[in-house]
Amino acid sequence: MTSKIALITGATSGIGEACATLFAQQGYRLILVARRAEVLKKLAVDLEDKYAVKVFTLVRDVREKQALTEGLEALPEEWKKVDVLINNAGLSQGLDPIDKGNTDDWDVMIDTNVKGLLYVSKIVSNWMIASKSGHIINIGSIAGKEVYPNGNVYCATKHAVDALNKGMRIDLLPHGIKVTAIHPGMVETEFSLVRFKGDEQRAKKVYEGFEPLLAQDIADAIWFAVSRPAHVNINDMLIMPAAQATGTITRRKE
């Protein structure tokens, strides 16, 4: 078993939670960052009890630069030797044409998906540079590879993440730091519930008539990338349900 450290943002649900569980199974010590204090605490206790790993929790919103920076910098020095960073925190808000878009929704998506990812990466990449090793996993989306109707700003944020993957990979290459992009298609998590602001019926319809990906499928792909030999890097991985061909074309049962 390993004593490596993985830092995971958006750790209390979906892909983040699945990654936390899988990396705990592999013996990683975990730094879990999320907004929901009670859910985060319960997850940490469950993982520590079940897998006998150490878990450090940080209740923060990645959009809040000062609080996030202070929280990360206050970590004990031994916890700053992060081997794997999984930039998972991300969301979509609304599904409106550009002329009817809610600018508050735009701010939330840009601040979380782009700026939040940058704030965390800036800090942790410097820790990795000091260690001369590390692996950054950025969670993108099919929306970062194509644009679909009414996806405008969300797609723009994920295209930005796709560009940042490439920029990070170039900038961090001299320091021996790997950068991997994981781009999921439809994954049944809280994603659609958040997009539709708690409308459970509308969120459920997104996944009706076909078998979507599960959070565990994406966690498995991330682990595959992380567990490659030192001389191998998975630059970019696009993962879709078998019933999905593009961001908008699916095969659904009647």
C-alpha atoms as a PDB file:
ATOM      1  CA  MET A   1       0.000   0.000   0.000  1.00  0.00           C
ATOM      2  CA  THR A   2       1.079   3.528  -0.733  1.00  0.00           C
ATOM      3  CA  SER A   3       1.491   6.538   1.536  1.00  0.00           C
ATOM      4  CA  LYS A   4       1.003   8.996  -1.313  1.00  0.00           C
ATOM      5  CA  ILE A   5      -1.353  11.964  -1.038  1.00  0.00           C
ATOM      6  CA  ALA A   6      -4.242  12.873  -3.345  1.00  0.00           C
ATOM      7  CA  LEU A   7      -6.056  16.205  -3.141  1.00  0.00           C
ATOM      8  CA  ILE A   8      -9.599  16.112  -4.546  1.00  0.00           C
ATOM      9  CA  THR A   9     -11.908  19.098  -4.993  1.00  0.00           C
ATOM     10  CA  GLY A  10     -15.677  18.725  -5.099  1.00  0.00           C
ATOM     11  CA  ALA A  11     -15.183  15.599  -3.026  1.00  0.00           C
ATOM     12  CA  THR A  12     -18.595  15.068  -1.435  1.00  0.00           C
ATOM     13  CA  SER A  13     -20.572  13.740  -4.398  1.00  0.00           C
ATOM     14  CA  GLY A  14     -20.378  12.208  -7.838  1.00  0.00           C
ATOM     15  CA  ILE A  15     -16.973  11.799  -9.442  1.00  0.00           C
ATOM     16  CA  GLY A  16     -15.169  13.434  -6.526  1.00  0.00           C
ATOM     17  CA  GLU A  17     -16.637  11.041  -3.982  1.00  0.00           C
ATOM     18  CA  ALA A  18     -15.976   8.042  -6.244  1.00  0.00           C
ATOM     19  CA  CYS A  19     -12.341   9.137  -6.596  1.00  0.00           C
ATOM     20  CA  ALA A  20     -11.993   9.614  -2.849  1.00  0.00           C
ATOM     21  CA  THR A  21     -13.251   6.073  -2.271  1.00  0.00           C
ATOM     22  CA  LEU A  22     -11.075   4.507  -4.962  1.00  0.00           C
ATOM     23  CA  PHE A  23      -7.901   6.308  -3.903  1.00  0.00           C
ATOM     24  CA  ALA A  24      -8.584   5.387  -0.272  1.00  0.00           C
ATOM     25  CA  GLN A  25      -8.870   1.751  -1.375  1.00  0.00           C
ATOM     26  CA  GLN A  26      -5.428   2.162  -2.929  1.00  0.00           C
ATOM     27  CA  GLY A  27      -4.012   3.421   0.362  1.00  0.00           C
ATOM     28  CA  TYR A  28      -3.683   7.111  -0.495  1.00  0.00           C
ATOM     29  CA  ARG A  29      -3.892   9.731   2.189  1.00  0.00           C
ATOM     30  CA  LEU A  30      -6.544  12.208   1.147  1.00  0.00           C
ATOM     31  CA  ILE A  31      -7.098  15.950   1.264  1.00  0.00           C
ATOM     32  CA  LEU A  32     -10.773  16.433   0.488  1.00  0.00           C
ATOM     33  CA  VAL A  33     -12.059  19.888  -0.411  1.00  0.00           C
ATOM     34  CA  ALA A  34     -15.790  20.596  -0.585  1.00  0.00           C
ATOM     35  CA  ARG A  35     -18.447  23.085   0.495  1.00  0.00           C
ATOM     36  CA  ARG A  36     -20.776  20.861   2.540  1.00  0.00           C
ATOM     37  CA  ALA A  37     -19.222  20.478   5.970  1.00  0.00           C
ATOM     38  CA  GLU A  38     -21.425  17.723   7.387  1.00  0.00           C
ATOM     39  CA  VAL A  39     -21.306  15.587   4.258  1.00  0.00           C
ATOM     40  CA  LEU A  40     -17.532  16.048   4.055  1.00  0.00           C
ATOM     41  CA  LYS A  41     -17.062  15.072   7.688  1.00  0.00           C
ATOM     42  CA  LYS A  42     -19.156  11.917   7.276  1.00  0.00           C
ATOM     43  CA  LEU A  43     -17.267  10.908   4.127  1.00  0.00           C
ATOM     44  CA  ALA A  44     -13.916  11.387   5.865  1.00  0.00           C
ATOM     45  CA  VAL A  45     -14.966   9.296   8.883  1.00  0.00           C
ATOM     46  CA  ASP A  46     -16.343   6.538   6.639  1.00  0.00           C
ATOM     47  CA  LEU A  47     -13.155   6.363   4.562  1.00  0.00           C
ATOM     48  CA  GLU A  48     -10.887   6.391   7.600  1.00  0.00           C
ATOM     49  CA  ASP A  49     -12.901   3.632   9.271  1.00  0.00           C
ATOM     50  CA  LYS A  50     -13.222   1.433   6.197  1.00  0.00           C
ATOM     51  CA  TYR A  51      -9.771   1.808   4.640  1.00  0.00           C
ATOM     52  CA  ALA A  52      -7.561   2.872   7.578  1.00  0.00           C
ATOM     53  CA  VAL A  53      -6.237   5.924   5.722  1.00  0.00           C
ATOM     54  CA  LYS A  54      -5.717   9.449   6.977  1.00  0.00           C
ATOM     55  CA  VAL A  55      -8.104  12.074   5.624  1.00  0.00           C
ATOM     56  CA  PHE A  56      -7.655  15.832   5.939  1.00  0.00           C
ATOM     57  CA  THR A  57     -10.784  17.847   5.188  1.00  0.00           C
ATOM     58  CA  LEU A  58     -11.045  21.448   4.062  1.00  0.00           C
ATOM     59  CA  VAL A  59     -14.467  23.091   3.899  1.00  0.00           C
ATOM     60  CA  ARG A  60     -14.021  25.625   1.128  1.00  0.00           C
ATOM     61  CA  ASP A  61     -15.660  26.889  -2.051  1.00  0.00           C
ATOM     62  CA  VAL A  62     -13.039  26.970  -4.813  1.00  0.00           C
ATOM     63  CA  ARG A  63     -14.522  30.283  -6.021  1.00  0.00           C
ATOM     64  CA  GLU A  64     -13.433  32.073  -2.846  1.00  0.00           C
ATOM     65  CA  LYS A  65      -9.784  32.769  -3.615  1.00  0.00           C
ATOM     66  CA  GLN A  66      -8.647  34.222  -0.303  1.00  0.00           C
ATOM     67  CA  ALA A  67     -10.338  31.660   1.935  1.00  0.00           C
ATOM     68  CA  LEU A  68      -9.240  28.814  -0.322  1.00  0.00           C
ATOM     69  CA  THR A  69      -5.646  30.037  -0.453  1.00  0.00           C
ATOM     70  CA  GLU A  70      -5.475  30.536   3.301  1.00  0.00           C
ATOM     71  CA  GLY A  71      -6.947  27.083   3.911  1.00  0.00           C
ATOM     72  CA  LEU A  72      -4.517  25.310   1.617  1.00  0.00           C
ATOM     73  CA  GLU A  73      -1.464  27.239   2.783  1.00  0.00           C
ATOM     74  CA  ALA A  74      -2.376  26.448   6.402  1.00  0.00           C
ATOM     75  CA  LEU A  75      -2.064  22.710   5.768  1.00  0.00           C
ATOM     76  CA  PRO A  76       0.691  21.033   7.803  1.00  0.00           C
ATOM     77  CA  GLU A  77       3.892  20.790   5.759  1.00  0.00           C
ATOM     78  CA  GLU A  78       3.718  17.002   5.546  1.00  0.00           C
ATOM     79  CA  TRP A  79       0.317  17.311   3.833  1.00  0.00           C
ATOM     80  CA  LYS A  80       1.692  19.614   1.138  1.00  0.00           C
ATOM     81  CA  LYS A  81       3.600  16.785  -0.521  1.00  0.00           C
ATOM     82  CA  VAL A  82       0.666  16.158  -2.851  1.00  0.00           C
ATOM     83  CA  ASP A  83       1.263  13.455  -5.460  1.00  0.00           C
ATOM     84  CA  VAL A  84      -2.084  13.694  -7.287  1.00  0.00           C
ATOM     85  CA  LEU A  85      -4.394  16.681  -7.686  1.00  0.00           C
ATOM     86  CA  ILE A  86      -7.867  15.957  -9.034  1.00  0.00           C
ATOM     87  CA  ASN A  87      -9.532  19.207 -10.100  1.00  0.00           C
ATOM     88  CA  ASN A  88     -13.066  17.886  -9.996  1.00  0.00           C
ATOM     89  CA  ALA A  89     -15.109  20.814  -8.610  1.00  0.00           C
ATOM     90  CA  GLY A  90     -17.298  22.063 -11.427  1.00  0.00           C
ATOM     91  CA  LEU A  91     -20.908  22.652 -12.366  1.00  0.00           C
ATOM     92  CA  SER A  92     -23.401  23.919 -14.888  1.00  0.00           C
ATOM     93  CA  GLN A  93     -26.172  26.396 -14.157  1.00  0.00           C
ATOM     94  CA  GLY A  94     -29.173  26.765 -16.443  1.00  0.00           C
ATOM     95  CA  LEU A  95     -29.685  25.781 -20.070  1.00  0.00           C
ATOM     96  CA  ASP A  96     -30.703  28.979 -21.849  1.00  0.00           C
ATOM     97  CA  PRO A  97     -29.851  30.631 -25.158  1.00  0.00           C
ATOM     98  CA  ILE A  98     -27.228  33.360 -24.861  1.00  0.00           C
ATOM     99  CA  ASP A  99     -29.740  36.203 -25.124  1.00  0.00           C
ATOM    100  CA  LYS A 100     -31.791  34.843 -22.215  1.00  0.00           C
ATOM    101  CA  GLY A 101     -28.901  33.685 -20.039  1.00  0.00           C
ATOM    102  CA  ASN A 102     -28.714  34.548 -16.356  1.00  0.00           C
ATOM    103  CA  THR A 103     -25.496  36.489 -15.779  1.00  0.00           C
ATOM    104  CA  ASP A 104     -25.346  35.281 -12.173  1.00  0.00           C
ATOM    105  CA  ASP A 105     -25.286  31.712 -13.525  1.00  0.00           C
ATOM    106  CA  TRP A 106     -22.484  32.701 -15.886  1.00  0.00           C
ATOM    107  CA  ASP A 107     -20.437  34.072 -12.995  1.00  0.00           C
ATOM    108  CA  VAL A 108     -20.888  30.884 -10.963  1.00  0.00           C
ATOM    109  CA  MET A 109     -19.780  28.670 -13.849  1.00  0.00           C
ATOM    110  CA  ILE A 110     -16.767  30.793 -14.810  1.00  0.00           C
ATOM    111  CA  ASP A 111     -15.695  31.294 -11.195  1.00  0.00           C
ATOM    112  CA  THR A 112     -15.979  27.581 -10.369  1.00  0.00           C
ATOM    113  CA  ASN A 113     -14.979  25.779 -13.554  1.00  0.00           C
ATOM    114  CA  VAL A 114     -12.140  28.062 -14.643  1.00  0.00           C
ATOM    115  CA  LYS A 115     -10.995  30.376 -11.870  1.00  0.00           C
ATOM    116  CA  GLY A 116     -11.463  27.837  -9.064  1.00  0.00           C
ATOM    117  CA  LEU A 117      -9.434  25.277 -10.987  1.00  0.00           C
ATOM    118  CA  LEU A 118      -6.709  27.877 -11.489  1.00  0.00           C
ATOM    119  CA  TYR A 119      -6.605  28.938  -7.841  1.00  0.00           C
ATOM    120  CA  VAL A 120      -6.110  25.351  -6.651  1.00  0.00           C
ATOM    121  CA  SER A 121      -3.645  24.477  -9.421  1.00  0.00           C
ATOM    122  CA  LYS A 122      -1.464  27.532  -8.777  1.00  0.00           C
ATOM    123  CA  ILE A 123      -0.907  26.538  -5.161  1.00  0.00           C
ATOM    124  CA  VAL A 124      -0.585  22.781  -5.562  1.00  0.00           C
ATOM    125  CA  SER A 125       1.626  22.950  -8.670  1.00  0.00           C
ATOM    126  CA  ASN A 126       4.167  24.932  -6.647  1.00  0.00           C
ATOM    127  CA  TRP A 127       4.193  22.180  -4.036  1.00  0.00           C
ATOM    128  CA  MET A 128       4.721  19.632  -6.805  1.00  0.00           C
ATOM    129  CA  ILE A 129       7.534  21.718  -8.318  1.00  0.00           C
ATOM    130  CA  ALA A 130       9.275  21.649  -4.943  1.00  0.00           C
ATOM    131  CA  SER A 131       8.937  17.850  -4.941  1.00  0.00           C
ATOM    132  CA  LYS A 132       9.915  17.610  -8.633  1.00  0.00           C
ATOM    133  CA  SER A 133       7.004  15.281  -9.315  1.00  0.00           C
ATOM    134  CA  GLY A 134       3.234  15.118  -9.350  1.00  0.00           C
ATOM    135  CA  HIS A 135       0.187  14.440 -11.471  1.00  0.00           C
ATOM    136  CA  ILE A 136      -2.668  16.870 -12.120  1.00  0.00           C
ATOM    137  CA  ILE A 137      -5.993  15.493 -13.336  1.00  0.00           C
ATOM    138  CA  ASN A 138      -8.435  18.052 -14.713  1.00  0.00           C
ATOM    139  CA  ILE A 139     -12.060  17.002 -15.167  1.00  0.00           C
ATOM    140  CA  GLY A 140     -13.347  18.459 -18.410  1.00  0.00           C
ATOM    141  CA  SER A 141     -16.398  17.402 -20.405  1.00  0.00           C
ATOM    142  CA  ILE A 142     -17.658  16.506 -23.854  1.00  0.00           C
ATOM    143  CA  ALA A 143     -18.738  20.172 -23.642  1.00  0.00           C
ATOM    144  CA  GLY A 144     -15.057  21.051 -23.848  1.00  0.00           C
ATOM    145  CA  LYS A 145     -14.792  19.271 -27.205  1.00  0.00           C
ATOM    146  CA  GLU A 146     -17.965  20.505 -28.899  1.00  0.00           C
ATOM    147  CA  VAL A 147     -20.709  23.078 -28.380  1.00  0.00           C
ATOM    148  CA  TYR A 148     -24.397  22.217 -28.120  1.00  0.00           C
ATOM    149  CA  PRO A 149     -27.570  24.366 -28.198  1.00  0.00           C
ATOM    150  CA  ASN A 150     -28.017  26.475 -25.052  1.00  0.00           C
ATOM    151  CA  GLY A 151     -24.731  25.188 -23.633  1.00  0.00           C
ATOM    152  CA  ASN A 152     -22.927  28.429 -24.559  1.00  0.00           C
ATOM    153  CA  VAL A 153     -21.204  29.550 -21.344  1.00  0.00           C
ATOM    154  CA  TYR A 154     -20.845  26.101 -19.790  1.00  0.00           C
ATOM    155  CA  CYS A 155     -19.263  24.845 -23.015  1.00  0.00           C
ATOM    156  CA  ALA A 156     -16.999  27.910 -23.024  1.00  0.00           C
ATOM    157  CA  THR A 157     -15.758  27.140 -19.506  1.00  0.00           C
ATOM    158  CA  LYS A 158     -14.986  23.541 -20.417  1.00  0.00           C
ATOM    159  CA  HIS A 159     -13.233  24.631 -23.614  1.00  0.00           C
ATOM    160  CA  ALA A 160     -11.144  26.852 -21.338  1.00  0.00           C
ATOM    161  CA  VAL A 161     -10.319  23.845 -19.164  1.00  0.00           C
ATOM    162  CA  ASP A 162      -9.271  21.950 -22.293  1.00  0.00           C
ATOM    163  CA  ALA A 163      -6.899  24.798 -23.217  1.00  0.00           C
ATOM    164  CA  LEU A 164      -5.559  24.991 -19.667  1.00  0.00           C
ATOM    165  CA  ASN A 165      -4.772  21.263 -19.756  1.00  0.00           C
ATOM    166  CA  LYS A 166      -2.520  21.878 -22.740  1.00  0.00           C
ATOM    167  CA  GLY A 167      -0.954  24.997 -21.238  1.00  0.00           C
ATOM    168  CA  MET A 168      -0.289  23.310 -17.905  1.00  0.00           C
ATOM    169  CA  ARG A 169       1.264  20.298 -19.618  1.00  0.00           C
ATOM    170  CA  ILE A 170       3.734  22.571 -21.435  1.00  0.00           C
ATOM    171  CA  ASP A 171       4.520  24.823 -18.468  1.00  0.00           C
ATOM    172  CA  LEU A 172       4.995  21.998 -15.967  1.00  0.00           C
ATOM    173  CA  LEU A 173       6.914  19.638 -18.245  1.00  0.00           C
ATOM    174  CA  PRO A 174      10.347  20.892 -17.063  1.00  0.00           C
ATOM    175  CA  HIS A 175       9.370  19.995 -13.493  1.00  0.00           C
ATOM    176  CA  GLY A 176       8.425  16.383 -14.180  1.00  0.00           C
ATOM    177  CA  ILE A 177       4.715  16.984 -13.518  1.00  0.00           C
ATOM    178  CA  LYS A 178       2.148  15.056 -15.542  1.00  0.00           C
ATOM    179  CA  VAL A 179      -1.148  16.630 -16.636  1.00  0.00           C
ATOM    180  CA  THR A 180      -4.133  14.544 -17.734  1.00  0.00           C
ATOM    181  CA  ALA A 181      -7.511  15.666 -19.059  1.00  0.00           C
ATOM    182  CA  ILE A 182     -10.552  13.464 -18.437  1.00  0.00           C
ATOM    183  CA  HIS A 183     -13.617  14.444 -20.499  1.00  0.00           C
ATOM    184  CA  PRO A 184     -16.833  12.596 -19.582  1.00  0.00           C
ATOM    185  CA  GLY A 185     -20.046  12.476 -21.537  1.00  0.00           C
ATOM    186  CA  MET A 186     -23.306  11.929 -19.651  1.00  0.00           C
ATOM    187  CA  VAL A 187     -22.612  10.767 -16.091  1.00  0.00           C
ATOM    188  CA  GLU A 188     -25.515  10.239 -13.706  1.00  0.00           C
ATOM    189  CA  THR A 189     -24.521  12.337 -10.684  1.00  0.00           C
ATOM    190  CA  GLU A 190     -25.933  15.485  -9.091  1.00  0.00           C
ATOM    191  CA  PHE A 191     -24.786  17.406 -12.203  1.00  0.00           C
ATOM    192  CA  SER A 192     -28.210  17.765 -13.830  1.00  0.00           C
ATOM    193  CA  LEU A 193     -29.911  18.386 -10.497  1.00  0.00           C
ATOM    194  CA  VAL A 194     -27.550  21.330  -9.978  1.00  0.00           C
ATOM    195  CA  ARG A 195     -27.957  22.538 -13.563  1.00  0.00           C
ATOM    196  CA  PHE A 196     -31.746  22.608 -13.162  1.00  0.00           C
ATOM    197  CA  LYS A 197     -31.529  24.052  -9.644  1.00  0.00           C
ATOM    198  CA  GLY A 198     -33.133  21.191  -7.762  1.00  0.00           C
ATOM    199  CA  ASP A 199     -35.792  20.253 -10.339  1.00  0.00           C
ATOM    200  CA  GLU A 200     -35.597  16.477  -9.826  1.00  0.00           C
ATOM    201  CA  GLN A 201     -38.098  15.602 -12.543  1.00  0.00           C
ATOM    202  CA  ARG A 202     -36.254  17.605 -15.203  1.00  0.00           C
ATOM    203  CA  ALA A 203     -32.889  16.249 -14.056  1.00  0.00           C
ATOM    204  CA  LYS A 204     -34.123  12.658 -14.205  1.00  0.00           C
ATOM    205  CA  LYS A 205     -35.300  13.046 -17.808  1.00  0.00           C
ATOM    206  CA  VAL A 206     -31.715  13.729 -18.922  1.00  0.00           C
ATOM    207  CA  TYR A 207     -30.836  10.078 -18.288  1.00  0.00           C
ATOM    208  CA  GLU A 208     -34.101   8.384 -19.303  1.00  0.00           C
ATOM    209  CA  GLY A 209     -34.072   5.625 -21.900  1.00  0.00           C
ATOM    210  CA  PHE A 210     -30.368   4.756 -21.855  1.00  0.00           C
ATOM    211  CA  GLU A 211     -27.608   3.716 -19.487  1.00  0.00           C
ATOM    212  CA  PRO A 212     -25.405   6.698 -18.601  1.00  0.00           C
ATOM    213  CA  LEU A 213     -21.916   6.556 -17.187  1.00  0.00           C
ATOM    214  CA  LEU A 214     -21.524   6.210 -13.437  1.00  0.00           C
ATOM    215  CA  ALA A 215     -19.158   8.233 -11.298  1.00  0.00           C
ATOM    216  CA  GLN A 216     -17.223   5.015 -10.671  1.00  0.00           C
ATOM    217  CA  ASP A 217     -16.537   4.679 -14.405  1.00  0.00           C
ATOM    218  CA  ILE A 218     -14.749   8.032 -14.393  1.00  0.00           C
ATOM    219  CA  ALA A 219     -12.899   7.258 -11.161  1.00  0.00           C
ATOM    220  CA  ASP A 220     -11.647   4.025 -12.764  1.00  0.00           C
ATOM    221  CA  ALA A 221     -10.375   5.977 -15.783  1.00  0.00           C
ATOM    222  CA  ILE A 222      -8.610   8.453 -13.519  1.00  0.00           C
ATOM    223  CA  TRP A 223      -6.971   5.634 -11.606  1.00  0.00           C
ATOM    224  CA  PHE A 224      -5.846   4.064 -14.889  1.00  0.00           C
ATOM    225  CA  ALA A 225      -4.114   7.339 -15.828  1.00  0.00           C
ATOM    226  CA  VAL A 226      -2.525   7.769 -12.410  1.00  0.00           C
ATOM    227  CA  SER A 227      -1.319   4.177 -12.185  1.00  0.00           C
ATOM    228  CA  ARG A 228       0.649   4.170 -15.457  1.00  0.00           C
ATOM    229  CA  PRO A 229       4.449   3.770 -15.254  1.00  0.00           C
ATOM    230  CA  ALA A 230       6.483   6.919 -14.629  1.00  0.00           C
ATOM    231  CA  HIS A 231       7.438   7.282 -18.297  1.00  0.00           C
ATOM    232  CA  VAL A 232       3.781   7.187 -19.480  1.00  0.00           C
ATOM    233  CA  ASN A 233       1.274  10.061 -19.441  1.00  0.00           C
ATOM    234  CA  ILE A 234      -2.331   9.871 -20.596  1.00  0.00           C
ATOM    235  CA  ASN A 235      -2.750  13.337 -22.083  1.00  0.00           C
ATOM    236  CA  ASP A 236      -6.421  13.303 -22.951  1.00  0.00           C
ATOM    237  CA  MET A 237      -9.304  10.879 -22.467  1.00  0.00           C
ATOM    238  CA  LEU A 238     -12.872  11.299 -23.770  1.00  0.00           C
ATOM    239  CA  ILE A 239     -15.312   8.839 -22.175  1.00  0.00           C
ATOM    240  CA  MET A 240     -18.893   8.394 -23.333  1.00  0.00           C
ATOM    241  CA  PRO A 241     -21.738   6.008 -22.559  1.00  0.00           C
ATOM    242  CA  ALA A 242     -22.107   3.428 -25.320  1.00  0.00           C
ATOM    243  CA  ALA A 243     -25.502   4.986 -26.067  1.00  0.00           C
ATOM    244  CA  GLN A 244     -24.086   8.489 -26.626  1.00  0.00           C
ATOM    245  CA  ALA A 245     -22.333   9.553 -29.839  1.00  0.00           C
ATOM    246  CA  THR A 246     -22.005  13.323 -29.301  1.00  0.00           C
ATOM    247  CA  GLY A 247     -23.024  15.861 -26.706  1.00  0.00           C
ATOM    248  CA  THR A 248     -26.605  15.794 -28.014  1.00  0.00           C
ATOM    249  CA  ILE A 249     -27.048  12.526 -29.945  1.00  0.00           C
ATOM    250  CA  THR A 250     -28.077   9.507 -27.882  1.00  0.00           C
ATOM    251  CA  ARG A 251     -29.788   6.185 -28.505  1.00  0.00           C
ATOM    252  CA  ARG A 252     -32.759   5.968 -26.167  1.00  0.00           C
ATOM    253  CA  LYS A 253     -35.310   3.203 -25.697  1.00  0.00           C
ATOM    254  CA  GLU A 254     -38.925   4.037 -26.420  1.00  0.00           C
END
